[in-house]
N, C-alpha and C. Protein backbone atom coordinates (compact mmCIF):
# COMPACT_ATOMS: atom_id res chain seq x y z
N MET A 1 0.85 -1.18 -0.01
CA MET A 1 0.00 0.01 0.00
C MET A 1 0.90 1.24 0.00
N GLY A 2 0.53 2.27 -0.77
CA GLY A 2 1.34 3.47 -0.89
C GLY A 2 1.15 4.43 0.25
N ALA A 3 1.74 5.60 0.09
CA ALA A 3 1.65 6.65 1.09
C ALA A 3 0.24 7.21 1.15
N LYS A 4 -0.14 7.70 2.33
CA LYS A 4 -1.45 8.34 2.53
C LYS A 4 -1.24 9.84 2.61
N THR A 5 -2.20 10.58 2.06
CA THR A 5 -2.17 12.04 2.16
C THR A 5 -3.05 12.45 3.34
N LEU A 6 -2.50 13.32 4.20
CA LEU A 6 -3.27 13.86 5.33
C LEU A 6 -3.03 15.36 5.42
N THR A 7 -4.08 16.08 5.75
CA THR A 7 -3.98 17.51 5.99
C THR A 7 -3.58 17.74 7.44
N CYS A 8 -2.60 18.59 7.66
CA CYS A 8 -2.27 18.95 9.04
C CYS A 8 -3.46 19.70 9.64
N LEU A 9 -3.92 19.27 10.78
CA LEU A 9 -5.08 19.87 11.42
C LEU A 9 -4.74 21.19 12.11
N SER A 10 -3.44 21.51 12.17
CA SER A 10 -3.00 22.78 12.76
C SER A 10 -2.76 23.86 11.72
N CYS A 11 -2.03 23.52 10.66
CA CYS A 11 -1.64 24.54 9.68
C CYS A 11 -2.23 24.33 8.28
N ALA A 12 -2.95 23.24 8.07
CA ALA A 12 -3.63 22.91 6.80
C ALA A 12 -2.68 22.51 5.68
N GLN A 13 -1.44 22.25 5.99
CA GLN A 13 -0.47 21.80 4.97
C GLN A 13 -0.75 20.33 4.64
N LEU A 14 -0.68 19.96 3.36
CA LEU A 14 -0.83 18.56 2.98
C LEU A 14 0.48 17.84 3.24
N ASN A 15 0.38 16.62 3.78
CA ASN A 15 1.53 15.79 4.11
C ASN A 15 1.32 14.39 3.55
N ARG A 16 2.42 13.73 3.19
CA ARG A 16 2.37 12.34 2.74
C ARG A 16 2.94 11.47 3.85
N LEU A 17 2.18 10.43 4.22
CA LEU A 17 2.65 9.48 5.23
C LEU A 17 3.12 8.24 4.50
N PRO A 18 4.43 7.98 4.47
CA PRO A 18 4.90 6.77 3.78
C PRO A 18 4.39 5.51 4.50
N ALA A 19 4.03 4.52 3.71
CA ALA A 19 3.46 3.27 4.26
C ALA A 19 4.48 2.52 5.10
N ASP A 20 5.77 2.71 4.83
CA ASP A 20 6.81 1.94 5.53
C ASP A 20 7.31 2.62 6.82
N LYS A 21 6.70 3.74 7.20
CA LYS A 21 7.09 4.45 8.43
C LYS A 21 5.97 4.32 9.46
N PRO A 22 6.32 4.32 10.75
CA PRO A 22 5.28 4.26 11.80
C PRO A 22 4.41 5.53 11.77
N ALA A 23 3.12 5.35 11.49
CA ALA A 23 2.22 6.48 11.34
C ALA A 23 1.95 7.21 12.66
N ALA A 24 1.99 6.49 13.77
CA ALA A 24 1.63 7.10 15.06
C ALA A 24 2.55 8.28 15.41
N ALA A 25 3.80 8.26 14.94
CA ALA A 25 4.74 9.31 15.27
C ALA A 25 4.83 10.39 14.18
N ALA A 26 4.00 10.27 13.13
CA ALA A 26 4.08 11.21 12.00
C ALA A 26 3.79 12.63 12.41
N LYS A 27 4.62 13.54 11.92
CA LYS A 27 4.46 14.98 12.22
C LYS A 27 4.40 15.76 10.92
N CYS A 28 3.71 16.91 10.99
CA CYS A 28 3.62 17.80 9.84
C CYS A 28 5.02 18.31 9.47
N GLY A 29 5.32 18.29 8.18
CA GLY A 29 6.62 18.77 7.71
C GLY A 29 6.76 20.29 7.82
N THR A 30 5.66 21.00 7.98
CA THR A 30 5.70 22.46 8.06
C THR A 30 5.72 22.96 9.49
N CYS A 31 4.76 22.50 10.32
CA CYS A 31 4.64 23.06 11.69
C CYS A 31 5.03 22.07 12.80
N GLY A 32 5.21 20.79 12.46
CA GLY A 32 5.62 19.81 13.45
C GLY A 32 4.51 19.22 14.29
N ALA A 33 3.25 19.58 14.02
CA ALA A 33 2.11 19.03 14.78
C ALA A 33 1.93 17.56 14.43
N ALA A 34 1.41 16.80 15.38
CA ALA A 34 1.13 15.38 15.14
C ALA A 34 0.06 15.25 14.06
N LEU A 35 0.28 14.38 13.08
CA LEU A 35 -0.71 14.18 12.03
C LEU A 35 -1.80 13.20 12.46
N LEU A 36 -1.50 12.34 13.42
CA LEU A 36 -2.47 11.39 13.93
C LEU A 36 -2.59 11.59 15.45
N PRO A 37 -3.20 12.72 15.87
CA PRO A 37 -3.30 12.98 17.30
C PRO A 37 -4.17 11.94 17.99
N ARG A 38 -3.92 11.73 19.27
CA ARG A 38 -4.66 10.71 20.03
C ARG A 38 -5.94 11.28 20.64
N GLY A 39 -6.25 12.49 20.33
CA GLY A 39 -7.48 13.09 20.82
C GLY A 39 -8.10 13.97 19.75
N PRO A 40 -9.34 14.43 20.00
CA PRO A 40 -9.98 15.29 19.00
C PRO A 40 -9.27 16.64 18.90
N VAL A 41 -9.32 17.23 17.73
CA VAL A 41 -8.68 18.51 17.47
C VAL A 41 -9.75 19.50 17.03
N ASP A 42 -9.74 20.70 17.63
CA ASP A 42 -10.63 21.76 17.18
C ASP A 42 -10.10 22.31 15.88
N VAL A 43 -10.95 22.42 14.86
CA VAL A 43 -10.52 22.89 13.56
C VAL A 43 -11.38 24.07 13.13
N ASP A 44 -10.87 24.85 12.21
CA ASP A 44 -11.64 25.95 11.63
C ASP A 44 -12.20 25.47 10.28
N PRO A 45 -13.09 26.22 9.70
CA PRO A 45 -13.74 25.76 8.44
C PRO A 45 -12.76 25.49 7.31
N ALA A 46 -11.71 26.28 7.18
CA ALA A 46 -10.76 26.09 6.07
C ALA A 46 -10.01 24.76 6.21
N VAL A 47 -9.57 24.45 7.42
CA VAL A 47 -8.87 23.19 7.66
C VAL A 47 -9.83 22.03 7.46
N LEU A 48 -11.06 22.16 7.96
CA LEU A 48 -12.04 21.10 7.80
C LEU A 48 -12.28 20.81 6.32
N GLN A 49 -12.53 21.84 5.54
CA GLN A 49 -12.84 21.64 4.13
C GLN A 49 -11.67 21.01 3.39
N LYS A 50 -10.46 21.43 3.69
CA LYS A 50 -9.28 20.86 3.03
C LYS A 50 -9.08 19.40 3.43
N ALA A 51 -9.30 19.09 4.71
CA ALA A 51 -9.14 17.71 5.17
C ALA A 51 -10.21 16.81 4.53
N ILE A 52 -11.43 17.29 4.43
CA ILE A 52 -12.49 16.51 3.79
C ILE A 52 -12.13 16.21 2.34
N ARG A 53 -11.62 17.20 1.65
CA ARG A 53 -11.30 17.04 0.21
C ARG A 53 -10.09 16.13 -0.03
N HIS A 54 -9.06 16.21 0.82
CA HIS A 54 -7.78 15.58 0.48
C HIS A 54 -7.41 14.35 1.31
N ASP A 55 -7.93 14.20 2.51
CA ASP A 55 -7.45 13.13 3.37
C ASP A 55 -7.82 11.74 2.88
N GLU A 56 -6.88 10.84 3.04
CA GLU A 56 -7.09 9.44 2.67
C GLU A 56 -7.33 8.56 3.89
N LEU A 57 -7.72 9.20 4.98
CA LEU A 57 -8.10 8.51 6.22
C LEU A 57 -9.45 9.08 6.60
N PRO A 58 -10.41 8.27 7.05
CA PRO A 58 -11.72 8.81 7.42
C PRO A 58 -11.62 9.94 8.45
N LEU A 59 -12.52 10.87 8.33
CA LEU A 59 -12.58 12.03 9.22
C LEU A 59 -13.94 12.03 9.88
N LEU A 60 -13.96 12.07 11.20
CA LEU A 60 -15.19 12.08 11.98
C LEU A 60 -15.30 13.45 12.65
N VAL A 61 -16.33 14.20 12.28
CA VAL A 61 -16.49 15.59 12.75
C VAL A 61 -17.62 15.68 13.75
N ASP A 62 -17.34 16.32 14.88
CA ASP A 62 -18.33 16.65 15.90
C ASP A 62 -18.66 18.12 15.75
N PHE A 63 -19.88 18.41 15.25
CA PHE A 63 -20.36 19.80 15.18
C PHE A 63 -21.02 20.07 16.51
N TRP A 64 -20.53 21.07 17.23
CA TRP A 64 -20.96 21.33 18.62
C TRP A 64 -20.96 22.83 18.89
N ALA A 65 -21.38 23.20 20.08
CA ALA A 65 -21.33 24.59 20.56
C ALA A 65 -21.11 24.58 22.07
N PRO A 66 -20.38 25.58 22.58
CA PRO A 66 -20.08 25.59 24.01
C PRO A 66 -21.29 25.75 24.94
N TRP A 67 -22.39 26.32 24.46
CA TRP A 67 -23.57 26.50 25.29
C TRP A 67 -24.45 25.24 25.34
N CYS A 68 -24.12 24.24 24.54
CA CYS A 68 -24.95 23.04 24.40
C CYS A 68 -24.58 22.00 25.46
N GLY A 69 -25.52 21.74 26.39
CA GLY A 69 -25.28 20.75 27.46
C GLY A 69 -24.96 19.36 26.93
N PRO A 70 -25.75 18.82 26.01
CA PRO A 70 -25.42 17.50 25.45
C PRO A 70 -24.05 17.47 24.76
N CYS A 71 -23.68 18.57 24.12
CA CYS A 71 -22.36 18.64 23.48
C CYS A 71 -21.25 18.52 24.52
N ARG A 72 -21.41 19.26 25.63
CA ARG A 72 -20.39 19.21 26.70
C ARG A 72 -20.36 17.83 27.33
N ALA A 73 -21.53 17.17 27.46
CA ALA A 73 -21.58 15.85 28.04
C ALA A 73 -20.90 14.82 27.13
N MET A 74 -21.02 15.01 25.82
CA MET A 74 -20.45 14.05 24.87
C MET A 74 -18.94 14.25 24.67
N ALA A 75 -18.43 15.41 24.97
CA ALA A 75 -17.03 15.72 24.69
C ALA A 75 -16.05 14.69 25.25
N PRO A 76 -16.15 14.25 26.54
CA PRO A 76 -15.19 13.26 27.02
C PRO A 76 -15.38 11.90 26.32
N GLU A 77 -16.60 11.59 25.93
CA GLU A 77 -16.86 10.32 25.23
C GLU A 77 -16.25 10.36 23.83
N PHE A 78 -16.33 11.51 23.18
CA PHE A 78 -15.72 11.70 21.86
C PHE A 78 -14.20 11.59 21.97
N ALA A 79 -13.64 12.14 23.05
CA ALA A 79 -12.18 12.05 23.27
C ALA A 79 -11.75 10.59 23.47
N LYS A 80 -12.54 9.81 24.21
CA LYS A 80 -12.22 8.39 24.40
C LYS A 80 -12.29 7.65 23.07
N ALA A 81 -13.29 7.97 22.26
CA ALA A 81 -13.44 7.34 20.93
C ALA A 81 -12.23 7.70 20.06
N ALA A 82 -11.73 8.92 20.17
CA ALA A 82 -10.59 9.34 19.36
C ALA A 82 -9.35 8.48 19.69
N LYS A 83 -9.15 8.19 20.96
CA LYS A 83 -8.02 7.34 21.37
C LYS A 83 -8.17 5.93 20.78
N THR A 84 -9.39 5.40 20.87
CA THR A 84 -9.65 4.05 20.36
C THR A 84 -9.47 3.97 18.84
N LEU A 85 -9.86 5.02 18.13
CA LEU A 85 -9.82 5.03 16.68
C LEU A 85 -8.49 5.57 16.11
N ALA A 86 -7.55 5.89 16.98
CA ALA A 86 -6.26 6.44 16.53
C ALA A 86 -5.65 5.54 15.44
N GLY A 87 -5.30 6.16 14.32
CA GLY A 87 -4.72 5.43 13.21
C GLY A 87 -5.75 4.92 12.22
N GLN A 88 -7.00 4.78 12.64
CA GLN A 88 -8.08 4.32 11.75
C GLN A 88 -8.89 5.48 11.22
N ALA A 89 -8.95 6.55 12.00
CA ALA A 89 -9.72 7.76 11.61
C ALA A 89 -9.17 8.92 12.45
N ARG A 90 -9.45 10.12 11.99
CA ARG A 90 -9.10 11.30 12.79
C ARG A 90 -10.41 11.96 13.21
N LEU A 91 -10.47 12.35 14.50
CA LEU A 91 -11.68 12.97 15.06
C LEU A 91 -11.40 14.44 15.29
N VAL A 92 -12.30 15.27 14.77
CA VAL A 92 -12.17 16.72 14.89
C VAL A 92 -13.47 17.30 15.38
N LYS A 93 -13.36 18.53 15.92
CA LYS A 93 -14.53 19.25 16.44
C LYS A 93 -14.60 20.60 15.73
N LEU A 94 -15.83 21.01 15.37
CA LEU A 94 -16.03 22.32 14.79
C LEU A 94 -17.11 23.03 15.62
N ASN A 95 -16.74 24.19 16.17
CA ASN A 95 -17.62 25.01 17.00
C ASN A 95 -18.60 25.76 16.10
N THR A 96 -19.87 25.34 16.13
CA THR A 96 -20.86 25.96 15.25
C THR A 96 -21.31 27.34 15.73
N GLN A 97 -20.99 27.68 16.97
CA GLN A 97 -21.29 29.05 17.45
C GLN A 97 -20.32 30.01 16.80
N ASP A 98 -19.04 29.64 16.73
CA ASP A 98 -18.03 30.50 16.14
C ASP A 98 -18.08 30.46 14.61
N HIS A 99 -18.57 29.36 14.04
CA HIS A 99 -18.57 29.19 12.60
C HIS A 99 -19.97 28.77 12.12
N GLN A 100 -20.92 29.68 12.30
CA GLN A 100 -22.32 29.38 12.00
C GLN A 100 -22.54 29.05 10.53
N SER A 101 -21.85 29.74 9.62
CA SER A 101 -22.06 29.47 8.19
C SER A 101 -21.57 28.07 7.81
N THR A 102 -20.57 27.57 8.52
CA THR A 102 -20.07 26.21 8.22
C THR A 102 -21.10 25.17 8.70
N GLY A 103 -21.71 25.39 9.84
CA GLY A 103 -22.77 24.51 10.29
C GLY A 103 -23.89 24.47 9.26
N ALA A 104 -24.25 25.61 8.74
CA ALA A 104 -25.31 25.67 7.70
C ALA A 104 -24.86 24.99 6.43
N ARG A 105 -23.62 25.19 6.04
CA ARG A 105 -23.10 24.60 4.81
C ARG A 105 -23.20 23.06 4.84
N TYR A 106 -22.94 22.48 6.03
CA TYR A 106 -23.01 21.02 6.16
C TYR A 106 -24.37 20.57 6.67
N ARG A 107 -25.37 21.44 6.60
CA ARG A 107 -26.77 21.12 6.94
C ARG A 107 -26.92 20.56 8.33
N VAL A 108 -26.21 21.16 9.28
CA VAL A 108 -26.32 20.75 10.67
C VAL A 108 -27.56 21.43 11.24
N ARG A 109 -28.56 20.65 11.62
CA ARG A 109 -29.82 21.19 12.09
C ARG A 109 -29.92 21.16 13.62
N GLY A 110 -29.21 20.25 14.24
CA GLY A 110 -29.19 20.15 15.69
C GLY A 110 -27.81 19.71 16.14
N ILE A 111 -27.47 20.01 17.38
CA ILE A 111 -26.14 19.63 17.88
C ILE A 111 -26.29 18.88 19.18
N PRO A 112 -25.38 18.01 19.49
CA PRO A 112 -24.22 17.63 18.66
C PRO A 112 -24.65 16.80 17.46
N THR A 113 -23.91 16.98 16.36
CA THR A 113 -24.09 16.15 15.18
C THR A 113 -22.72 15.62 14.77
N LEU A 114 -22.66 14.30 14.59
CA LEU A 114 -21.44 13.66 14.09
C LEU A 114 -21.63 13.39 12.60
N VAL A 115 -20.60 13.72 11.84
CA VAL A 115 -20.60 13.44 10.40
C VAL A 115 -19.29 12.74 10.05
N ALA A 116 -19.41 11.60 9.37
CA ALA A 116 -18.22 10.85 8.93
C ALA A 116 -18.00 11.13 7.45
N PHE A 117 -16.77 11.52 7.14
CA PHE A 117 -16.37 11.77 5.75
C PHE A 117 -15.28 10.78 5.37
N ALA A 118 -15.33 10.33 4.11
CA ALA A 118 -14.26 9.47 3.59
C ALA A 118 -14.16 9.76 2.09
N ARG A 119 -12.93 9.87 1.62
CA ARG A 119 -12.67 10.11 0.19
C ARG A 119 -13.45 11.33 -0.35
N GLY A 120 -13.54 12.37 0.44
CA GLY A 120 -14.16 13.61 0.00
C GLY A 120 -15.68 13.67 0.08
N LYS A 121 -16.30 12.61 0.56
CA LYS A 121 -17.76 12.56 0.60
C LYS A 121 -18.28 12.22 2.00
N GLU A 122 -19.46 12.78 2.30
CA GLU A 122 -20.12 12.42 3.54
C GLU A 122 -20.59 10.97 3.43
N GLN A 123 -20.24 10.17 4.45
CA GLN A 123 -20.66 8.77 4.48
C GLN A 123 -21.92 8.57 5.31
N LYS A 124 -21.98 9.27 6.43
CA LYS A 124 -23.15 9.14 7.31
C LYS A 124 -23.12 10.22 8.36
N ARG A 125 -24.27 10.38 9.04
CA ARG A 125 -24.38 11.38 10.11
C ARG A 125 -25.30 10.88 11.18
N GLN A 126 -25.11 11.45 12.37
CA GLN A 126 -25.90 11.06 13.55
C GLN A 126 -26.03 12.29 14.45
N SER A 127 -27.25 12.64 14.82
CA SER A 127 -27.46 13.75 15.74
C SER A 127 -27.77 13.21 17.13
N GLY A 128 -27.38 14.00 18.15
CA GLY A 128 -27.63 13.61 19.53
C GLY A 128 -26.37 13.13 20.20
N ALA A 129 -26.32 13.29 21.51
CA ALA A 129 -25.15 12.89 22.29
C ALA A 129 -25.07 11.36 22.35
N LEU A 130 -23.84 10.86 22.18
CA LEU A 130 -23.57 9.43 22.23
C LEU A 130 -22.45 9.14 23.22
N ARG A 131 -22.44 7.94 23.75
CA ARG A 131 -21.35 7.47 24.60
C ARG A 131 -20.27 6.88 23.69
N GLN A 132 -19.08 6.66 24.26
CA GLN A 132 -17.96 6.14 23.48
C GLN A 132 -18.32 4.89 22.67
N GLY A 133 -18.93 3.89 23.31
CA GLY A 133 -19.28 2.65 22.63
C GLY A 133 -20.26 2.87 21.49
N GLN A 134 -21.19 3.81 21.68
CA GLN A 134 -22.15 4.12 20.62
C GLN A 134 -21.46 4.83 19.46
N ILE A 135 -20.52 5.73 19.76
CA ILE A 135 -19.77 6.39 18.68
C ILE A 135 -18.98 5.37 17.87
N LEU A 136 -18.30 4.47 18.57
CA LEU A 136 -17.51 3.45 17.86
C LEU A 136 -18.39 2.53 17.02
N ALA A 137 -19.52 2.07 17.58
CA ALA A 137 -20.41 1.19 16.84
C ALA A 137 -20.99 1.91 15.63
N TRP A 138 -21.38 3.16 15.80
CA TRP A 138 -21.94 3.94 14.68
C TRP A 138 -20.88 4.11 13.59
N PHE A 139 -19.65 4.49 13.99
CA PHE A 139 -18.61 4.74 13.00
C PHE A 139 -18.24 3.46 12.24
N ARG A 140 -18.14 2.36 12.96
CA ARG A 140 -17.73 1.08 12.34
C ARG A 140 -18.86 0.39 11.61
N GLY A 141 -20.13 0.73 11.93
CA GLY A 141 -21.29 0.02 11.43
C GLY A 141 -21.72 0.33 10.06
């Protein structure tokens, strides 16, 4: 299997991960950030859009807002899921209060909403707070 392309979630630079190198330690060639973080990363709309378009690893997005009780309750569960899915998918969070037009662009009607993207396309979505096991089952199912 060849190298995978991943967008740095910090600086939006495209990076190639060689198949023969340990992916867990991969860092961005531009800013040095981990390319496969073990926890969810807050992203802005530009990074999100670039990662959706270019990444060759599934991307699981939590659309949330700081005032949302269910969003805050799900945050630690989403973080646990990110650790479990490390290397299989990258989990990111987008604050819909700060980026309202992005929430509208992705047709987010209620929060929290999880959307899984792969190969540039939305694969599935789920609204409502979930526990770690439910997130994993939904993502893998």
